[in-house]
Amino acid sequence: MRLLIALLAGSLFGAGLFISGMTDTAKVQGWLDIFGNWDPTLAFVMGGAMIPMALAWLVRARRATALTGAPLPPPPSRRIDQPLILGSVLFGIGWGLAGLCPGPAIAALSYGGTGHWLFLAAMLTGMAPAPQLRSRLDRAVAAE
């Protein structure tokens, strides 16, 4: 049941990324180009993504387990700290330079070509040291 739900959710997410244009690097970079040829359409994609997430958190407040019986994760922290800021900055730089983030990067592999595979390899290479860096940041913040 869990694998079926994951397959359905992943398929829906991938289809949404494709339909919304999130796999089109030019469209994403157009959204970020506020002083040039700005494309505001991704604001609707982001707004549309917030609606099901808000509903999911409402459901989470009333349930302790998922449909599969697994425990639901706790709500994320609302604290704005150094790791959150650093991660946001790094994510934004990568998104702005490449026009892709992890989900759309994987969905864009279906387009073929070497550019998307190169981006995926670079993304995974950058993710590899993340747990160790996170551990160091957490220790540094705790020491303050």
C-alpha atoms as a PDB file:
ATOM      1  CA  MET A   1       0.000   0.000   0.000  1.00  0.00           C
ATOM      2  CA  ARG A   2       2.833   2.378   0.928  1.00  0.00           C
ATOM      3  CA  LEU A   3       4.598   1.845  -2.424  1.00  0.00           C
ATOM      4  CA  LEU A   4       1.351   2.372  -4.338  1.00  0.00           C
ATOM      5  CA  ILE A   5       0.687   5.650  -2.510  1.00  0.00           C
ATOM      6  CA  ALA A   6       4.297   6.741  -3.164  1.00  0.00           C
ATOM      7  CA  LEU A   7       3.951   5.882  -6.864  1.00  0.00           C
ATOM      8  CA  LEU A   8       0.679   7.802  -7.182  1.00  0.00           C
ATOM      9  CA  ALA A   9       1.999  10.820  -5.253  1.00  0.00           C
ATOM     10  CA  GLY A  10       5.257  10.869  -7.226  1.00  0.00           C
ATOM     11  CA  SER A  11       3.414  10.577 -10.534  1.00  0.00           C
ATOM     12  CA  LEU A  12       1.041  13.386  -9.606  1.00  0.00           C
ATOM     13  CA  PHE A  13       3.956  15.553  -8.451  1.00  0.00           C
ATOM     14  CA  GLY A  14       5.948  14.890 -11.642  1.00  0.00           C
ATOM     15  CA  ALA A  15       2.931  15.619 -13.849  1.00  0.00           C
ATOM     16  CA  GLY A  16       2.335  18.852 -11.941  1.00  0.00           C
ATOM     17  CA  LEU A  17       5.966  19.890 -12.414  1.00  0.00           C
ATOM     18  CA  PHE A  18       5.733  19.238 -16.140  1.00  0.00           C
ATOM     19  CA  ILE A  19       2.358  20.933 -16.669  1.00  0.00           C
ATOM     20  CA  SER A  20       3.342  23.977 -14.597  1.00  0.00           C
ATOM     21  CA  GLY A  21       6.574  24.514 -16.495  1.00  0.00           C
ATOM     22  CA  MET A  22       8.834  23.940 -13.489  1.00  0.00           C
ATOM     23  CA  THR A  23      11.012  21.632 -15.626  1.00  0.00           C
ATOM     24  CA  ASP A  24      11.582  24.439 -18.160  1.00  0.00           C
ATOM     25  CA  THR A  25      14.756  26.183 -17.021  1.00  0.00           C
ATOM     26  CA  ALA A  26      14.008  29.281 -19.126  1.00  0.00           C
ATOM     27  CA  LYS A  27      10.613  29.690 -17.428  1.00  0.00           C
ATOM     28  CA  VAL A  28      12.126  29.387 -13.954  1.00  0.00           C
ATOM     29  CA  GLN A  29      14.919  31.833 -14.775  1.00  0.00           C
ATOM     30  CA  GLY A  30      12.292  34.176 -16.263  1.00  0.00           C
ATOM     31  CA  TRP A  31      10.507  34.137 -12.898  1.00  0.00           C
ATOM     32  CA  LEU A  32      13.730  35.141 -11.180  1.00  0.00           C
ATOM     33  CA  ASP A  33      14.542  37.900 -13.715  1.00  0.00           C
ATOM     34  CA  ILE A  34      12.487  40.661 -12.074  1.00  0.00           C
ATOM     35  CA  PHE A  35      14.400  43.474 -13.795  1.00  0.00           C
ATOM     36  CA  GLY A  36      14.305  41.918 -17.269  1.00  0.00           C
ATOM     37  CA  ASN A  37      11.768  39.776 -19.068  1.00  0.00           C
ATOM     38  CA  TRP A  38       9.901  38.770 -15.893  1.00  0.00           C
ATOM     39  CA  ASP A  39       7.501  35.817 -16.102  1.00  0.00           C
ATOM     40  CA  PRO A  40       5.085  35.895 -13.120  1.00  0.00           C
ATOM     41  CA  THR A  41       3.307  32.614 -13.916  1.00  0.00           C
ATOM     42  CA  LEU A  42       5.306  30.552 -11.424  1.00  0.00           C
ATOM     43  CA  ALA A  43       3.790  32.617  -8.606  1.00  0.00           C
ATOM     44  CA  PHE A  44       0.549  30.751  -9.324  1.00  0.00           C
ATOM     45  CA  VAL A  45       2.396  27.427  -9.199  1.00  0.00           C
ATOM     46  CA  MET A  46       3.895  28.303  -5.817  1.00  0.00           C
ATOM     47  CA  GLY A  47       0.573  29.595  -4.517  1.00  0.00           C
ATOM     48  CA  GLY A  48      -1.138  26.467  -5.783  1.00  0.00           C
ATOM     49  CA  ALA A  49       1.403  24.306  -3.964  1.00  0.00           C
ATOM     50  CA  MET A  50       0.670  26.041  -0.669  1.00  0.00           C
ATOM     51  CA  ILE A  51      -3.014  25.095  -0.716  1.00  0.00           C
ATOM     52  CA  PRO A  52      -2.591  21.296  -0.540  1.00  0.00           C
ATOM     53  CA  MET A  53       0.235  21.718   1.968  1.00  0.00           C
ATOM     54  CA  ALA A  54      -1.989  23.833   4.220  1.00  0.00           C
ATOM     55  CA  LEU A  55      -4.679  21.158   3.969  1.00  0.00           C
ATOM     56  CA  ALA A  56      -2.111  18.465   4.769  1.00  0.00           C
ATOM     57  CA  TRP A  57      -1.079  20.288   7.953  1.00  0.00           C
ATOM     58  CA  LEU A  58      -4.759  20.585   8.953  1.00  0.00           C
ATOM     59  CA  VAL A  59      -5.163  16.828   8.489  1.00  0.00           C
ATOM     60  CA  ARG A  60      -1.895  16.284  10.389  1.00  0.00           C
ATOM     61  CA  ALA A  61      -3.294  18.203  13.346  1.00  0.00           C
ATOM     62  CA  ARG A  62      -6.176  15.722  13.581  1.00  0.00           C
ATOM     63  CA  ARG A  63      -4.347  12.457  12.840  1.00  0.00           C
ATOM     64  CA  ALA A  64      -1.367  10.703  14.349  1.00  0.00           C
ATOM     65  CA  THR A  65      -0.831   8.158  11.554  1.00  0.00           C
ATOM     66  CA  ALA A  66      -0.869   8.080   7.762  1.00  0.00           C
ATOM     67  CA  LEU A  67      -3.205   5.881   5.698  1.00  0.00           C
ATOM     68  CA  THR A  68      -0.499   3.219   5.793  1.00  0.00           C
ATOM     69  CA  GLY A  69      -0.407   3.275   9.594  1.00  0.00           C
ATOM     70  CA  ALA A  70       3.022   4.907   9.751  1.00  0.00           C
ATOM     71  CA  PRO A  71       3.411   7.849  12.143  1.00  0.00           C
ATOM     72  CA  LEU A  72       3.111  11.280  10.565  1.00  0.00           C
ATOM     73  CA  PRO A  73       6.112  13.596  10.920  1.00  0.00           C
ATOM     74  CA  PRO A  74       5.902  16.475  13.369  1.00  0.00           C
ATOM     75  CA  PRO A  75       5.365  19.991  12.025  1.00  0.00           C
ATOM     76  CA  PRO A  76       8.598  21.709  10.975  1.00  0.00           C
ATOM     77  CA  SER A  77      10.270  24.185  13.264  1.00  0.00           C
ATOM     78  CA  ARG A  78       9.259  27.815  12.806  1.00  0.00           C
ATOM     79  CA  ARG A  79      12.639  29.007  14.042  1.00  0.00           C
ATOM     80  CA  ILE A  80      14.715  31.004  11.576  1.00  0.00           C
ATOM     81  CA  ASP A  81      18.309  30.043  12.294  1.00  0.00           C
ATOM     82  CA  GLN A  82      21.693  29.974  10.593  1.00  0.00           C
ATOM     83  CA  PRO A  83      21.291  26.518   8.959  1.00  0.00           C
ATOM     84  CA  LEU A  84      17.910  27.543   7.505  1.00  0.00           C
ATOM     85  CA  ILE A  85      19.328  30.781   6.100  1.00  0.00           C
ATOM     86  CA  LEU A  86      22.438  29.081   4.689  1.00  0.00           C
ATOM     87  CA  GLY A  87      20.392  26.300   3.117  1.00  0.00           C
ATOM     88  CA  SER A  88      17.954  28.791   1.614  1.00  0.00           C
ATOM     89  CA  VAL A  89      20.765  30.866   0.139  1.00  0.00           C
ATOM     90  CA  LEU A  90      22.499  27.819  -1.359  1.00  0.00           C
ATOM     91  CA  PHE A  91      19.216  26.491  -2.745  1.00  0.00           C
ATOM     92  CA  GLY A  92      18.388  29.898  -4.254  1.00  0.00           C
ATOM     93  CA  ILE A  93      21.812  30.241  -5.875  1.00  0.00           C
ATOM     94  CA  GLY A  94      21.542  26.800  -7.449  1.00  0.00           C
ATOM     95  CA  TRP A  95      17.956  27.375  -8.558  1.00  0.00           C
ATOM     96  CA  GLY A  96      18.832  30.731 -10.076  1.00  0.00           C
ATOM     97  CA  LEU A  97      21.945  29.519 -11.890  1.00  0.00           C
ATOM     98  CA  ALA A  98      20.536  26.267 -13.237  1.00  0.00           C
ATOM     99  CA  GLY A  99      16.796  26.949 -13.272  1.00  0.00           C
ATOM    100  CA  LEU A 100      16.180  23.586 -11.612  1.00  0.00           C
ATOM    101  CA  CYS A 101      15.756  22.229  -8.116  1.00  0.00           C
ATOM    102  CA  PRO A 102      15.808  18.526  -7.125  1.00  0.00           C
ATOM    103  CA  GLY A 103      12.247  17.516  -8.056  1.00  0.00           C
ATOM    104  CA  PRO A 104      12.146  19.184 -11.476  1.00  0.00           C
ATOM    105  CA  ALA A 105      15.738  18.038 -12.152  1.00  0.00           C
ATOM    106  CA  ILE A 106      14.675  14.409 -11.829  1.00  0.00           C
ATOM    107  CA  ALA A 107      11.499  14.988 -13.871  1.00  0.00           C
ATOM    108  CA  ALA A 108      13.554  16.758 -16.585  1.00  0.00           C
ATOM    109  CA  LEU A 109      15.729  13.657 -17.110  1.00  0.00           C
ATOM    110  CA  SER A 110      12.990  12.353 -19.398  1.00  0.00           C
ATOM    111  CA  TYR A 111      13.841  15.130 -21.887  1.00  0.00           C
ATOM    112  CA  GLY A 112      17.137  13.452 -22.711  1.00  0.00           C
ATOM    113  CA  GLY A 113      20.394  15.219 -23.409  1.00  0.00           C
ATOM    114  CA  THR A 114      23.488  15.397 -21.262  1.00  0.00           C
ATOM    115  CA  GLY A 115      22.777  18.730 -19.546  1.00  0.00           C
ATOM    116  CA  HIS A 116      20.127  17.345 -17.198  1.00  0.00           C
ATOM    117  CA  TRP A 117      22.272  14.319 -16.335  1.00  0.00           C
ATOM    118  CA  LEU A 118      25.233  16.616 -15.657  1.00  0.00           C
ATOM    119  CA  PHE A 119      23.080  18.752 -13.363  1.00  0.00           C
ATOM    120  CA  LEU A 120      21.843  15.649 -11.523  1.00  0.00           C
ATOM    121  CA  ALA A 121      25.423  14.426 -11.042  1.00  0.00           C
ATOM    122  CA  ALA A 122      26.506  17.854  -9.752  1.00  0.00           C
ATOM    123  CA  MET A 123      23.473  18.022  -7.442  1.00  0.00           C
ATOM    124  CA  LEU A 124      24.175  14.576  -5.972  1.00  0.00           C
ATOM    125  CA  THR A 125      27.859  15.460  -5.567  1.00  0.00           C
ATOM    126  CA  GLY A 126      26.851  18.569  -3.652  1.00  0.00           C
ATOM    127  CA  MET A 127      24.380  16.613  -1.519  1.00  0.00           C
ATOM    128  CA  ALA A 128      26.951  13.967  -0.506  1.00  0.00           C
ATOM    129  CA  PRO A 129      28.776  16.093   2.103  1.00  0.00           C
ATOM    130  CA  ALA A 130      25.547  17.714   3.351  1.00  0.00           C
ATOM    131  CA  PRO A 131      24.995  15.415   6.368  1.00  0.00           C
ATOM    132  CA  GLN A 132      28.530  16.066   7.670  1.00  0.00           C
ATOM    133  CA  LEU A 133      28.208  19.813   7.072  1.00  0.00           C
ATOM    134  CA  ARG A 134      24.820  19.819   8.786  1.00  0.00           C
ATOM    135  CA  SER A 135      26.302  18.051  11.789  1.00  0.00           C
ATOM    136  CA  ARG A 136      29.077  20.670  12.014  1.00  0.00           C
ATOM    137  CA  LEU A 137      26.597  23.532  11.724  1.00  0.00           C
ATOM    138  CA  ASP A 138      24.387  22.000  14.411  1.00  0.00           C
ATOM    139  CA  ARG A 139      27.362  21.655  16.770  1.00  0.00           C
ATOM    140  CA  ALA A 140      28.460  25.255  16.065  1.00  0.00           C
ATOM    141  CA  VAL A 141      24.955  26.601  16.735  1.00  0.00           C
ATOM    142  CA  ALA A 142      24.651  24.539  19.926  1.00  0.00           C
ATOM    143  CA  ALA A 143      27.996  25.898  21.157  1.00  0.00           C
ATOM    144  CA  GLU A 144      26.828  29.514  20.818  1.00  0.00           C
END
